[in-house]
Protein backbone atom coordinates (compact mmCIF):
# COMPACT_ATOMS: atom_id res chain seq x y z
CA UNK A 1 146.10 8.55 34.27
CA UNK A 2 147.41 10.89 31.62
CA UNK A 3 145.69 13.05 29.09
CA UNK A 4 146.65 11.65 25.69
CA UNK A 5 148.90 14.00 23.72
CA UNK A 6 147.12 12.92 20.56
CA UNK A 7 144.12 14.99 21.69
CA UNK A 8 146.27 18.10 21.91
CA UNK A 9 147.89 17.35 18.56
CA UNK A 10 144.49 16.93 16.91
CA UNK A 11 143.25 20.16 18.46
CA UNK A 12 146.37 21.98 17.28
CA UNK A 13 145.83 20.66 13.74
CA UNK A 14 142.22 21.86 13.91
CA UNK A 15 143.46 25.34 14.84
CA UNK A 16 142.65 25.42 18.55
CA UNK A 17 144.70 27.81 20.65
CA UNK A 18 146.05 27.20 24.13
CA UNK A 19 142.94 28.51 25.89
CA UNK A 20 140.59 26.45 23.72
CA UNK A 21 142.72 23.33 24.37
CA UNK A 22 142.60 23.99 28.09
CA UNK A 23 138.83 24.44 28.26
CA UNK A 24 137.93 21.77 25.69
CA UNK A 25 140.45 19.05 26.54
CA UNK A 26 142.23 19.57 29.86
CA UNK A 27 139.29 20.52 32.09
CA UNK A 28 136.90 17.82 30.84
CA UNK A 29 139.60 15.16 31.16
CA UNK A 30 140.37 16.25 34.75
CA UNK A 31 136.70 16.24 35.78
CA UNK A 32 136.64 12.68 37.24
CA UNK A 33 139.73 13.17 39.41
CA UNK A 34 138.53 16.61 40.53
CA UNK A 35 135.21 15.08 41.58
CA UNK A 36 137.04 12.39 43.54
CA UNK A 37 139.30 14.88 45.34
CA UNK A 38 136.39 17.16 46.30
CA UNK A 39 134.26 14.22 47.48
CA UNK A 40 137.02 12.66 49.59
CA UNK A 41 137.98 16.06 51.02
CA UNK A 42 134.40 16.66 52.10
CA UNK A 43 134.12 13.21 53.68
CA UNK A 44 137.40 13.62 55.55
CA UNK A 45 136.43 17.07 56.83
CA UNK A 46 133.20 15.63 58.28
CA UNK A 47 135.19 12.85 59.94
CA UNK A 48 137.23 15.38 61.93
CA UNK A 49 134.20 17.55 62.84
CA UNK A 50 133.24 15.63 65.98
CA UNK A 51 136.77 15.73 67.36
CA UNK A 52 137.17 19.47 66.89
CA UNK A 53 133.69 20.27 68.18
CA UNK A 54 134.09 18.03 71.23
CA UNK A 55 137.47 19.44 72.19
CA UNK A 56 136.65 23.12 71.70
CA UNK A 57 132.86 23.21 72.01
CA UNK A 58 132.83 25.32 68.87
CA UNK A 59 134.85 27.98 70.67
CA UNK A 60 138.23 29.57 70.03
CA UNK A 61 136.79 32.09 67.60
CA UNK A 62 137.32 31.07 64.00
CA UNK A 63 140.63 29.31 64.69
CA UNK A 64 139.16 25.82 64.64
CA UNK A 65 136.82 26.22 61.68
CA UNK A 66 137.02 23.69 58.89
CA UNK A 67 134.71 22.57 56.12
CA UNK A 68 132.60 20.35 58.35
CA UNK A 69 131.91 23.06 60.91
CA UNK A 70 130.93 25.52 58.18
CA UNK A 71 128.43 23.00 56.85
CA UNK A 72 126.88 22.56 60.28
CA UNK A 73 127.03 26.24 61.23
CA UNK A 74 125.60 27.68 58.01
CA UNK A 75 123.46 24.75 56.89
CA UNK A 76 125.24 24.39 53.57
């Protein structure tokens, strides 16, 4: 999935600078894939939580912390 170059060309013709193109075209077009990556990352971190917690009992200082254990520990 690519961001169409025609969007950047149209923005350039309208006088948009690089920063405006980034915030008005690039970020909104990357929103769906960013959502997918964050969602899958969160799901996968919860899948490994039970293994890490069972093996270490939550011990070993902060060496075995991952996203899932932070969610459980801090209630986030």
